[in-house]
Amino acid sequence: AEAAARDAGKTLLVLDTADDGAARLYERLGWTLAGVVPDYALLPRGG
């Protein structure tokens, strides 16, 4: 995705995640945490 964005002329990417495993992956790949918003969305089974 980063390579495709670069090829499309993009220089900044953003994303969001509610998953701790995905967050660890993004950080391992060099992404920077901008912030955390509590109670942002519902989980699929509620909460």
ModelCIF file with pLDDT and N, C-alpha, C, O atoms, coordinates in Angstrom:
data_MODEL
#
_entry.id   MODEL 
#
_entity.id                         1 
_entity.type                       polymer 
_entity.pdbx_number_of_molecules   1 
#
_entity_poly.entity_id                      1 
_entity_poly.type                           'polypeptide(L)' 
_entity_poly.nstd_linkage                   no 
_entity_poly.nstd_monomer                   no 
_entity_poly.pdbx_seq_one_letter_code       AEAAARDAGKTLLVLDTADDGAARLYERLGWTLAGVVPDYALLPRGG 
_entity_poly.pdbx_seq_one_letter_code_can   AEAAARDAGKTLLVLDTADDGAARLYERLGWTLAGVVPDYALLPRGG 
_entity_poly.pdbx_strand_id                 A 
#
loop_
_entity_poly_seq.entity_id 
_entity_poly_seq.num 
_entity_poly_seq.mon_id 
_entity_poly_seq.hetero 
1 1  ALA n 
1 2  GLU n 
1 3  ALA n 
1 4  ALA n 
1 5  ALA n 
1 6  ARG n 
1 7  ASP n 
1 8  ALA n 
1 9  GLY n 
1 10 LYS n 
1 11 THR n 
1 12 LEU n 
1 13 LEU n 
1 14 VAL n 
1 15 LEU n 
1 16 ASP n 
1 17 THR n 
1 18 ALA n 
1 19 ASP n 
1 20 ASP n 
1 21 GLY n 
1 22 ALA n 
1 23 ALA n 
1 24 ARG n 
1 25 LEU n 
1 26 TYR n 
1 27 GLU n 
1 28 ARG n 
1 29 LEU n 
1 30 GLY n 
1 31 TRP n 
1 32 THR n 
1 33 LEU n 
1 34 ALA n 
1 35 GLY n 
1 36 VAL n 
1 37 VAL n 
1 38 PRO n 
1 39 ASP n 
1 40 TYR n 
1 41 ALA n 
1 42 LEU n 
1 43 LEU n 
1 44 PRO n 
1 45 ARG n 
1 46 GLY n 
1 47 GLY n 
#
_struct_asym.id          A 
_struct_asym.entity_id   1 
#
loop_
_ma_qa_metric.id 
_ma_qa_metric.mode 
_ma_qa_metric.name 
_ma_qa_metric.software_group_id 
_ma_qa_metric.type 
1 global pLDDT . pLDDT 
2 local  pLDDT . pLDDT 
#
_ma_qa_metric_global.metric_id      1 
_ma_qa_metric_global.metric_value   97.89 
_ma_qa_metric_global.model_id       1 
_ma_qa_metric_global.ordinal_id     1 
#
loop_
_ma_qa_metric_local.label_asym_id 
_ma_qa_metric_local.label_comp_id 
_ma_qa_metric_local.label_seq_id 
_ma_qa_metric_local.metric_id 
_ma_qa_metric_local.metric_value 
_ma_qa_metric_local.model_id 
_ma_qa_metric_local.ordinal_id 
A ALA 1  2 99.00 1 1  
A GLU 2  2 98.00 1 2  
A ALA 3  2 98.00 1 3  
A ALA 4  2 98.00 1 4  
A ALA 5  2 98.00 1 5  
A ARG 6  2 98.00 1 6  
A ASP 7  2 98.00 1 7  
A ALA 8  2 98.00 1 8  
A GLY 9  2 98.00 1 9  
A LYS 10 2 98.00 1 10 
A THR 11 2 98.00 1 11 
A LEU 12 2 98.00 1 12 
A LEU 13 2 99.00 1 13 
A VAL 14 2 98.00 1 14 
A LEU 15 2 98.00 1 15 
A ASP 16 2 98.00 1 16 
A THR 17 2 98.00 1 17 
A ALA 18 2 98.00 1 18 
A ASP 19 2 97.00 1 19 
A ASP 20 2 96.00 1 20 
A GLY 21 2 96.00 1 21 
A ALA 22 2 97.00 1 22 
A ALA 23 2 98.00 1 23 
A ARG 24 2 98.00 1 24 
A LEU 25 2 98.00 1 25 
A TYR 26 2 98.00 1 26 
A GLU 27 2 98.00 1 27 
A ARG 28 2 98.00 1 28 
A LEU 29 2 98.00 1 29 
A GLY 30 2 98.00 1 30 
A TRP 31 2 98.00 1 31 
A THR 32 2 98.00 1 32 
A LEU 33 2 98.00 1 33 
A ALA 34 2 98.00 1 34 
A GLY 35 2 98.00 1 35 
A VAL 36 2 98.00 1 36 
A VAL 37 2 98.00 1 37 
A PRO 38 2 98.00 1 38 
A ASP 39 2 98.00 1 39 
A TYR 40 2 98.00 1 40 
A ALA 41 2 98.00 1 41 
A LEU 42 2 98.00 1 42 
A LEU 43 2 98.00 1 43 
A PRO 44 2 98.00 1 44 
A ARG 45 2 98.00 1 45 
A GLY 46 2 97.00 1 46 
A GLY 47 2 98.00 1 47 
#
loop_
_atom_site.group_PDB 
_atom_site.id 
_atom_site.type_symbol 
_atom_site.label_atom_id 
_atom_site.label_alt_id 
_atom_site.label_comp_id 
_atom_site.label_asym_id 
_atom_site.label_entity_id 
_atom_site.label_seq_id 
_atom_site.pdbx_PDB_ins_code 
_atom_site.Cartn_x 
_atom_site.Cartn_y 
_atom_site.Cartn_z 
_atom_site.occupancy 
_atom_site.B_iso_or_equiv 
_atom_site.pdbx_formal_charge 
_atom_site.auth_seq_id 
_atom_site.auth_comp_id 
_atom_site.auth_asym_id 
_atom_site.auth_atom_id 
_atom_site.pdbx_PDB_model_num 
ATOM 1   N N  . ALA A 1 1  ? 0.834   -1.201 0.000  1.00 99.00 ? 1  ALA A N  1 
ATOM 2   C CA . ALA A 1 1  ? 0.000   0.000  0.000  1.00 99.00 ? 1  ALA A CA 1 
ATOM 3   C C  . ALA A 1 1  ? 0.871   1.255  0.000  1.00 99.00 ? 1  ALA A C  1 
ATOM 4   O O  . ALA A 1 1  ? 0.579   2.219  -0.708 1.00 99.00 ? 1  ALA A O  1 
ATOM 5   N N  . GLU A 1 2  ? 1.939   1.238  0.796  1.00 98.00 ? 2  GLU A N  1 
ATOM 6   C CA . GLU A 1 2  ? 2.856   2.380  0.823  1.00 98.00 ? 2  GLU A CA 1 
ATOM 7   C C  . GLU A 1 2  ? 3.470   2.597  -0.552 1.00 98.00 ? 2  GLU A C  1 
ATOM 8   O O  . GLU A 1 2  ? 3.553   3.732  -1.023 1.00 98.00 ? 2  GLU A O  1 
ATOM 9   N N  . ALA A 1 3  ? 3.902   1.520  -1.198 1.00 98.00 ? 3  ALA A N  1 
ATOM 10  C CA . ALA A 1 3  ? 4.505   1.629  -2.531 1.00 98.00 ? 3  ALA A CA 1 
ATOM 11  C C  . ALA A 1 3  ? 3.487   2.154  -3.549 1.00 98.00 ? 3  ALA A C  1 
ATOM 12  O O  . ALA A 1 3  ? 3.822   2.997  -4.381 1.00 98.00 ? 3  ALA A O  1 
ATOM 13  N N  . ALA A 1 4  ? 2.260   1.664  -3.486 1.00 98.00 ? 4  ALA A N  1 
ATOM 14  C CA . ALA A 1 4  ? 1.220   2.116  -4.409 1.00 98.00 ? 4  ALA A CA 1 
ATOM 15  C C  . ALA A 1 4  ? 0.912   3.599  -4.189 1.00 98.00 ? 4  ALA A C  1 
ATOM 16  O O  . ALA A 1 4  ? 0.716   4.344  -5.150 1.00 98.00 ? 4  ALA A O  1 
ATOM 17  N N  . ALA A 1 5  ? 0.872   4.022  -2.933 1.00 98.00 ? 5  ALA A N  1 
ATOM 18  C CA . ALA A 1 5  ? 0.626   5.433  -2.630 1.00 98.00 ? 5  ALA A CA 1 
ATOM 19  C C  . ALA A 1 5  ? 1.768   6.299  -3.152 1.00 98.00 ? 5  ALA A C  1 
ATOM 20  O O  . ALA A 1 5  ? 1.540   7.362  -3.729 1.00 98.00 ? 5  ALA A O  1 
ATOM 21  N N  . ARG A 1 6  ? 2.983   5.839  -2.947 1.00 98.00 ? 6  ARG A N  1 
ATOM 22  C CA . ARG A 1 6  ? 4.159   6.557  -3.437 1.00 98.00 ? 6  ARG A CA 1 
ATOM 23  C C  . ARG A 1 6  ? 4.077   6.690  -4.961 1.00 98.00 ? 6  ARG A C  1 
ATOM 24  O O  . ARG A 1 6  ? 4.315   7.767  -5.509 1.00 98.00 ? 6  ARG A O  1 
ATOM 25  N N  . ASP A 1 7  ? 3.739   5.589  -5.639 1.00 98.00 ? 7  ASP A N  1 
ATOM 26  C CA . ASP A 1 7  ? 3.611   5.608  -7.097 1.00 98.00 ? 7  ASP A CA 1 
ATOM 27  C C  . ASP A 1 7  ? 2.509   6.557  -7.558 1.00 98.00 ? 7  ASP A C  1 
ATOM 28  O O  . ASP A 1 7  ? 2.571   7.092  -8.665 1.00 98.00 ? 7  ASP A O  1 
ATOM 29  N N  . ALA A 1 8  ? 1.497   6.768  -6.710 1.00 98.00 ? 8  ALA A N  1 
ATOM 30  C CA . ALA A 1 8  ? 0.398   7.681  -7.023 1.00 98.00 ? 8  ALA A CA 1 
ATOM 31  C C  . ALA A 1 8  ? 0.740   9.125  -6.664 1.00 98.00 ? 8  ALA A C  1 
ATOM 32  O O  . ALA A 1 8  ? -0.108  10.009 -6.787 1.00 98.00 ? 8  ALA A O  1 
ATOM 33  N N  . GLY A 1 9  ? 1.977   9.375  -6.220 1.00 98.00 ? 9  GLY A N  1 
ATOM 34  C CA . GLY A 1 9  ? 2.415   10.724 -5.908 1.00 98.00 ? 9  GLY A CA 1 
ATOM 35  C C  . GLY A 1 9  ? 2.066   11.200 -4.513 1.00 98.00 ? 9  GLY A C  1 
ATOM 36  O O  . GLY A 1 9  ? 2.142   12.396 -4.233 1.00 98.00 ? 9  GLY A O  1 
ATOM 37  N N  . LYS A 1 10 ? 1.687   10.289 -3.638 1.00 98.00 ? 10 LYS A N  1 
ATOM 38  C CA . LYS A 1 10 ? 1.324   10.673 -2.265 1.00 98.00 ? 10 LYS A CA 1 
ATOM 39  C C  . LYS A 1 10 ? 2.571   10.706 -1.394 1.00 98.00 ? 10 LYS A C  1 
ATOM 40  O O  . LYS A 1 10 ? 3.480   9.893  -1.563 1.00 98.00 ? 10 LYS A O  1 
ATOM 41  N N  . THR A 1 11 ? 2.609   11.656 -0.458 1.00 98.00 ? 11 THR A N  1 
ATOM 42  C CA . THR A 1 11 ? 3.759   11.788 0.436  1.00 98.00 ? 11 THR A CA 1 
ATOM 43  C C  . THR A 1 11 ? 3.398   11.633 1.915  1.00 98.00 ? 11 THR A C  1 
ATOM 44  O O  . THR A 1 11 ? 4.279   11.612 2.774  1.00 98.00 ? 11 THR A O  1 
ATOM 45  N N  . LEU A 1 12 ? 2.091   11.525 2.209  1.00 98.00 ? 12 LEU A N  1 
ATOM 46  C CA . LEU A 1 12 ? 1.644   11.351 3.591  1.00 98.00 ? 12 LEU A CA 1 
ATOM 47  C C  . LEU A 1 12 ? 0.493   10.360 3.610  1.00 98.00 ? 12 LEU A C  1 
ATOM 48  O O  . LEU A 1 12 ? -0.452  10.477 2.829  1.00 98.00 ? 12 LEU A O  1 
ATOM 49  N N  . LEU A 1 13 ? 0.576   9.391  4.499  1.00 99.00 ? 13 LEU A N  1 
ATOM 50  C CA . LEU A 1 13 ? -0.491  8.399  4.673  1.00 99.00 ? 13 LEU A CA 1 
ATOM 51  C C  . LEU A 1 13 ? -1.022  8.492  6.089  1.00 99.00 ? 13 LEU A C  1 
ATOM 52  O O  . LEU A 1 13 ? -0.273  8.791  7.019  1.00 99.00 ? 13 LEU A O  1 
ATOM 53  N N  . VAL A 1 14 ? -2.313  8.238  6.256  1.00 98.00 ? 14 VAL A N  1 
ATOM 54  C CA . VAL A 1 14 ? -2.926  8.169  7.579  1.00 98.00 ? 14 VAL A CA 1 
ATOM 55  C C  . VAL A 1 14 ? -3.805  6.928  7.651  1.00 98.00 ? 14 VAL A C  1 
ATOM 56  O O  . VAL A 1 14 ? -4.308  6.447  6.636  1.00 98.00 ? 14 VAL A O  1 
ATOM 57  N N  . LEU A 1 15 ? -3.980  6.422  8.859  1.00 98.00 ? 15 LEU A N  1 
ATOM 58  C CA . LEU A 1 15 ? -4.864  5.285  9.092  1.00 98.00 ? 15 LEU A CA 1 
ATOM 59  C C  . LEU A 1 15 ? -5.309  5.291  10.538 1.00 98.00 ? 15 LEU A C  1 
ATOM 60  O O  . LEU A 1 15 ? -4.756  6.009  11.372 1.00 98.00 ? 15 LEU A O  1 
ATOM 61  N N  . ASP A 1 16 ? -6.316  4.482  10.825 1.00 98.00 ? 16 ASP A N  1 
ATOM 62  C CA . ASP A 1 16 ? -6.731  4.301  12.210 1.00 98.00 ? 16 ASP A CA 1 
ATOM 63  C C  . ASP A 1 16 ? -6.990  2.828  12.453 1.00 98.00 ? 16 ASP A C  1 
ATOM 64  O O  . ASP A 1 16 ? -7.308  2.071  11.536 1.00 98.00 ? 16 ASP A O  1 
ATOM 65  N N  . THR A 1 17 ? -6.846  2.442  13.708 1.00 98.00 ? 17 THR A N  1 
ATOM 66  C CA . THR A 1 17 ? -7.081  1.051  14.088 1.00 98.00 ? 17 THR A CA 1 
ATOM 67  C C  . THR A 1 17 ? -7.576  0.977  15.525 1.00 98.00 ? 17 THR A C  1 
ATOM 68  O O  . THR A 1 17 ? -7.209  1.786  16.378 1.00 98.00 ? 17 THR A O  1 
ATOM 69  N N  . ALA A 1 18 ? -8.413  -0.009 15.762 1.00 98.00 ? 18 ALA A N  1 
ATOM 70  C CA . ALA A 1 18 ? -8.867  -0.304 17.120 1.00 98.00 ? 18 ALA A CA 1 
ATOM 71  C C  . ALA A 1 18 ? -8.211  -1.579 17.640 1.00 98.00 ? 18 ALA A C  1 
ATOM 72  O O  . ALA A 1 18 ? -8.513  -2.028 18.746 1.00 98.00 ? 18 ALA A O  1 
ATOM 73  N N  . ASP A 1 19 ? -7.316  -2.163 16.848 1.00 97.00 ? 19 ASP A N  1 
ATOM 74  C CA . ASP A 1 19 ? -6.706  -3.454 17.169 1.00 97.00 ? 19 ASP A CA 1 
ATOM 75  C C  . ASP A 1 19 ? -5.277  -3.271 17.668 1.00 97.00 ? 19 ASP A C  1 
ATOM 76  O O  . ASP A 1 19 ? -4.448  -2.673 16.982 1.00 97.00 ? 19 ASP A O  1 
ATOM 77  N N  . ASP A 1 20 ? -4.989  -3.785 18.855 1.00 96.00 ? 20 ASP A N  1 
ATOM 78  C CA . ASP A 1 20 ? -3.648  -3.641 19.424 1.00 96.00 ? 20 ASP A CA 1 
ATOM 79  C C  . ASP A 1 20 ? -2.585  -4.358 18.597 1.00 96.00 ? 20 ASP A C  1 
ATOM 80  O O  . ASP A 1 20 ? -1.466  -3.861 18.471 1.00 96.00 ? 20 ASP A O  1 
ATOM 81  N N  . GLY A 1 21 ? -2.916  -5.511 18.034 1.00 96.00 ? 21 GLY A N  1 
ATOM 82  C CA . GLY A 1 21 ? -1.955  -6.226 17.194 1.00 96.00 ? 21 GLY A CA 1 
ATOM 83  C C  . GLY A 1 21 ? -1.611  -5.440 15.946 1.00 96.00 ? 21 GLY A C  1 
ATOM 84  O O  . GLY A 1 21 ? -0.447  -5.369 15.551 1.00 96.00 ? 21 GLY A O  1 
ATOM 85  N N  . ALA A 1 22 ? -2.621  -4.850 15.324 1.00 97.00 ? 22 ALA A N  1 
ATOM 86  C CA . ALA A 1 22 ? -2.379  -4.016 14.145 1.00 97.00 ? 22 ALA A CA 1 
ATOM 87  C C  . ALA A 1 22 ? -1.552  -2.798 14.529 1.00 97.00 ? 22 ALA A C  1 
ATOM 88  O O  . ALA A 1 22 ? -0.661  -2.399 13.779 1.00 97.00 ? 22 ALA A O  1 
ATOM 89  N N  . ALA A 1 23 ? -1.829  -2.203 15.681 1.00 98.00 ? 23 ALA A N  1 
ATOM 90  C CA . ALA A 1 23 ? -1.061  -1.046 16.136 1.00 98.00 ? 23 ALA A CA 1 
ATOM 91  C C  . ALA A 1 23 ? 0.415   -1.408 16.275 1.00 98.00 ? 23 ALA A C  1 
ATOM 92  O O  . ALA A 1 23 ? 1.283   -0.637 15.866 1.00 98.00 ? 23 ALA A O  1 
ATOM 93  N N  . ARG A 1 24 ? 0.703   -2.569 16.845 1.00 98.00 ? 24 ARG A N  1 
ATOM 94  C CA . ARG A 1 24 ? 2.101   -3.006 16.977 1.00 98.00 ? 24 ARG A CA 1 
ATOM 95  C C  . ARG A 1 24 ? 2.737   -3.186 15.606 1.00 98.00 ? 24 ARG A C  1 
ATOM 96  O O  . ARG A 1 24 ? 3.899   -2.833 15.405 1.00 98.00 ? 24 ARG A O  1 
ATOM 97  N N  . LEU A 1 25 ? 1.981   -3.731 14.667 1.00 98.00 ? 25 LEU A N  1 
ATOM 98  C CA . LEU A 1 25 ? 2.492   -3.912 13.302 1.00 98.00 ? 25 LEU A CA 1 
ATOM 99  C C  . LEU A 1 25 ? 2.843   -2.561 12.685 1.00 98.00 ? 25 LEU A C  1 
ATOM 100 O O  . LEU A 1 25 ? 3.935   -2.400 12.140 1.00 98.00 ? 25 LEU A O  1 
ATOM 101 N N  . TYR A 1 26 ? 1.934   -1.590 12.764 1.00 98.00 ? 26 TYR A N  1 
ATOM 102 C CA . TYR A 1 26 ? 2.179   -0.284 12.163 1.00 98.00 ? 26 TYR A CA 1 
ATOM 103 C C  . TYR A 1 26 ? 3.405   0.379  12.788 1.00 98.00 ? 26 TYR A C  1 
ATOM 104 O O  . TYR A 1 26 ? 4.229   0.961  12.084 1.00 98.00 ? 26 TYR A O  1 
ATOM 105 N N  . GLU A 1 27 ? 3.517   0.288  14.094 1.00 98.00 ? 27 GLU A N  1 
ATOM 106 C CA . GLU A 1 27 ? 4.671   0.894  14.754 1.00 98.00 ? 27 GLU A CA 1 
ATOM 107 C C  . GLU A 1 27 ? 5.969   0.196  14.338 1.00 98.00 ? 27 GLU A C  1 
ATOM 108 O O  . GLU A 1 27 ? 6.990   0.853  14.138 1.00 98.00 ? 27 GLU A O  1 
ATOM 109 N N  . ARG A 1 28 ? 5.929   -1.119 14.211 1.00 98.00 ? 28 ARG A N  1 
ATOM 110 C CA . ARG A 1 28 ? 7.101   -1.877 13.762 1.00 98.00 ? 28 ARG A CA 1 
ATOM 111 C C  . ARG A 1 28 ? 7.509   -1.468 12.346 1.00 98.00 ? 28 ARG A C  1 
ATOM 112 O O  . ARG A 1 28 ? 8.691   -1.505 12.005 1.00 98.00 ? 28 ARG A O  1 
ATOM 113 N N  . LEU A 1 29 ? 6.534   -1.078 11.523 1.00 98.00 ? 29 LEU A N  1 
ATOM 114 C CA . LEU A 1 29 ? 6.805   -0.686 10.139 1.00 98.00 ? 29 LEU A CA 1 
ATOM 115 C C  . LEU A 1 29 ? 7.133   0.800  9.989  1.00 98.00 ? 29 LEU A C  1 
ATOM 116 O O  . LEU A 1 29 ? 7.292   1.291  8.871  1.00 98.00 ? 29 LEU A O  1 
ATOM 117 N N  . GLY A 1 30 ? 7.237   1.521  11.119 1.00 98.00 ? 30 GLY A N  1 
ATOM 118 C CA . GLY A 1 30 ? 7.676   2.910  11.069 1.00 98.00 ? 30 GLY A CA 1 
ATOM 119 C C  . GLY A 1 30 ? 6.581   3.957  11.087 1.00 98.00 ? 30 GLY A C  1 
ATOM 120 O O  . GLY A 1 30 ? 6.857   5.134  10.858 1.00 98.00 ? 30 GLY A O  1 
ATOM 121 N N  . TRP A 1 31 ? 5.348   3.562  11.352 1.00 98.00 ? 31 TRP A N  1 
ATOM 122 C CA . TRP A 1 31 ? 4.251   4.518  11.456 1.00 98.00 ? 31 TRP A CA 1 
ATOM 123 C C  . TRP A 1 31 ? 4.333   5.222  12.807 1.00 98.00 ? 31 TRP A C  1 
ATOM 124 O O  . TRP A 1 31 ? 4.841   4.660  13.777 1.00 98.00 ? 31 TRP A O  1 
ATOM 125 N N  . THR A 1 32 ? 3.831   6.455  12.863 1.00 98.00 ? 32 THR A N  1 
ATOM 126 C CA . THR A 1 32 ? 3.871   7.270  14.072 1.00 98.00 ? 32 THR A CA 1 
ATOM 127 C C  . THR A 1 32 ? 2.462   7.426  14.639 1.00 98.00 ? 32 THR A C  1 
ATOM 128 O O  . THR A 1 32 ? 1.525   7.788  13.927 1.00 98.00 ? 32 THR A O  1 
ATOM 129 N N  . LEU A 1 33 ? 2.336   7.148  15.921 1.00 98.00 ? 33 LEU A N  1 
ATOM 130 C CA . LEU A 1 33 ? 1.053   7.321  16.600 1.00 98.00 ? 33 LEU A CA 1 
ATOM 131 C C  . LEU A 1 33 ? 0.778   8.812  16.751 1.00 98.00 ? 33 LEU A C  1 
ATOM 132 O O  . LEU A 1 33 ? 1.587   9.544  17.320 1.00 98.00 ? 33 LEU A O  1 
ATOM 133 N N  . ALA A 1 34 ? -0.368  9.259  16.238 1.00 98.00 ? 34 ALA A N  1 
ATOM 134 C CA . ALA A 1 34 ? -0.756  10.666 16.356 1.00 98.00 ? 34 ALA A CA 1 
ATOM 135 C C  . ALA A 1 34 ? -1.622  10.888 17.588 1.00 98.00 ? 34 ALA A C  1 
ATOM 136 O O  . ALA A 1 34 ? -1.607  11.970 18.177 1.00 98.00 ? 34 ALA A O  1 
ATOM 137 N N  . GLY A 1 35 ? -2.381  9.858  17.980 1.00 98.00 ? 35 GLY A N  1 
ATOM 138 C CA . GLY A 1 35 ? -3.224  9.993  19.151 1.00 98.00 ? 35 GLY A CA 1 
ATOM 139 C C  . GLY A 1 35 ? -4.246  8.879  19.248 1.00 98.00 ? 35 GLY A C  1 
ATOM 140 O O  . GLY A 1 35 ? -4.448  8.113  18.306 1.00 98.00 ? 35 GLY A O  1 
ATOM 141 N N  . VAL A 1 36 ? -4.886  8.803  20.404 1.00 98.00 ? 36 VAL A N  1 
ATOM 142 C CA . VAL A 1 36 ? -5.878  7.770  20.678 1.00 98.00 ? 36 VAL A CA 1 
ATOM 143 C C  . VAL A 1 36 ? -7.161  8.467  21.127 1.00 98.00 ? 36 VAL A C  1 
ATOM 144 O O  . VAL A 1 36 ? -7.139  9.348  21.987 1.00 98.00 ? 36 VAL A O  1 
ATOM 145 N N  . VAL A 1 37 ? -8.275  8.057  20.530 1.00 98.00 ? 37 VAL A N  1 
ATOM 146 C CA . VAL A 1 37 ? -9.575  8.607  20.884 1.00 98.00 ? 37 VAL A CA 1 
ATOM 147 C C  . VAL A 1 37 ? -10.367 7.518  21.612 1.00 98.00 ? 37 VAL A C  1 
ATOM 148 O O  . VAL A 1 37 ? -10.631 6.464  21.033 1.00 98.00 ? 37 VAL A O  1 
ATOM 149 N N  . PRO A 1 38 ? -10.748 7.752  22.864 1.00 98.00 ? 38 PRO A N  1 
ATOM 150 C CA . PRO A 1 38 ? -11.531 6.743  23.593 1.00 98.00 ? 38 PRO A CA 1 
ATOM 151 C C  . PRO A 1 38 ? -12.965 6.687  23.070 1.00 98.00 ? 38 PRO A C  1 
ATOM 152 O O  . PRO A 1 38 ? -13.492 7.672  22.552 1.00 98.00 ? 38 PRO A O  1 
ATOM 153 N N  . ASP A 1 39 ? -13.574 5.534  23.215 1.00 98.00 ? 39 ASP A N  1 
ATOM 154 C CA . ASP A 1 39 ? -14.998 5.358  22.872 1.00 98.00 ? 39 ASP A CA 1 
ATOM 155 C C  . ASP A 1 39 ? -15.327 5.837  21.461 1.00 98.00 ? 39 ASP A C  1 
ATOM 156 O O  . ASP A 1 39 ? -16.376 6.442  21.239 1.00 98.00 ? 39 ASP A O  1 
ATOM 157 N N  . TYR A 1 40 ? -14.446 5.573  20.518 1.00 98.00 ? 40 TYR A N  1 
ATOM 158 C CA . TYR A 1 40 ? -14.592 6.075  19.150 1.00 98.00 ? 40 TYR A CA 1 
ATOM 159 C C  . TYR A 1 40 ? -15.634 5.311  18.345 1.00 98.00 ? 40 TYR A C  1 
ATOM 160 O O  . TYR A 1 40 ? -16.387 5.905  17.573 1.00 98.00 ? 40 TYR A O  1 
ATOM 161 N N  . ALA A 1 41 ? -15.677 3.991  18.525 1.00 98.00 ? 41 ALA A N  1 
ATOM 162 C CA . ALA A 1 41 ? -16.579 3.161  17.715 1.00 98.00 ? 41 ALA A CA 1 
ATOM 163 C C  . ALA A 1 41 ? -17.073 1.990  18.557 1.00 98.00 ? 41 ALA A C  1 
ATOM 164 O O  . ALA A 1 41 ? -16.611 1.754  19.673 1.00 98.00 ? 41 ALA A O  1 
ATOM 165 N N  . LEU A 1 42 ? -18.015 1.277  17.988 1.00 98.00 ? 42 LEU A N  1 
ATOM 166 C CA . LEU A 1 42 ? -18.511 0.062  18.625 1.00 98.00 ? 42 LEU A CA 1 
ATOM 167 C C  . LEU A 1 42 ? -17.754 -1.157 18.112 1.00 98.00 ? 42 LEU A C  1 
ATOM 168 O O  . LEU A 1 42 ? -17.392 -1.227 16.937 1.00 98.00 ? 42 LEU A O  1 
ATOM 169 N N  . LEU A 1 43 ? -17.525 -2.093 18.984 1.00 98.00 ? 43 LEU A N  1 
ATOM 170 C CA . LEU A 1 43 ? -17.033 -3.400 18.571 1.00 98.00 ? 43 LEU A CA 1 
ATOM 171 C C  . LEU A 1 43 ? -18.175 -4.131 17.865 1.00 98.00 ? 43 LEU A C  1 
ATOM 172 O O  . LEU A 1 43 ? -19.336 -3.794 18.095 1.00 98.00 ? 43 LEU A O  1 
ATOM 173 N N  . PRO A 1 44 ? -17.891 -5.113 17.019 1.00 98.00 ? 44 PRO A N  1 
ATOM 174 C CA . PRO A 1 44 ? -18.944 -5.777 16.252 1.00 98.00 ? 44 PRO A CA 1 
ATOM 175 C C  . PRO A 1 44 ? -20.055 -6.403 17.076 1.00 98.00 ? 44 PRO A C  1 
ATOM 176 O O  . PRO A 1 44 ? -21.193 -6.485 16.615 1.00 98.00 ? 44 PRO A O  1 
ATOM 177 N N  . ARG A 1 45 ? -19.746 -6.846 18.287 1.00 98.00 ? 45 ARG A N  1 
ATOM 178 C CA . ARG A 1 45 ? -20.764 -7.462 19.143 1.00 98.00 ? 45 ARG A CA 1 
ATOM 179 C C  . ARG A 1 45 ? -21.223 -6.509 20.248 1.00 98.00 ? 45 ARG A C  1 
ATOM 180 O O  . ARG A 1 45 ? -21.875 -6.926 21.205 1.00 98.00 ? 45 ARG A O  1 
ATOM 181 N N  . GLY A 1 46 ? -20.879 -5.231 20.108 1.00 97.00 ? 46 GLY A N  1 
ATOM 182 C CA . GLY A 1 46 ? -21.280 -4.221 21.068 1.00 97.00 ? 46 GLY A CA 1 
ATOM 183 C C  . GLY A 1 46 ? -20.156 -3.841 22.008 1.00 97.00 ? 46 GLY A C  1 
ATOM 184 O O  . GLY A 1 46 ? -19.183 -4.581 22.155 1.00 97.00 ? 46 GLY A O  1 
ATOM 185 N N  . GLY A 1 47 ? -20.286 -2.708 22.633 1.00 98.00 ? 47 GLY A N  1 
ATOM 186 C CA . GLY A 1 47 ? -19.262 -2.190 23.532 1.00 98.00 ? 47 GLY A CA 1 
ATOM 187 C C  . GLY A 1 47 ? -18.356 -1.220 22.799 1.00 98.00 ? 47 GLY A C  1 
ATOM 188 O O  . GLY A 1 47 ? -17.425 -0.675 23.393 1.00 98.00 ? 47 GLY A O  1 
#
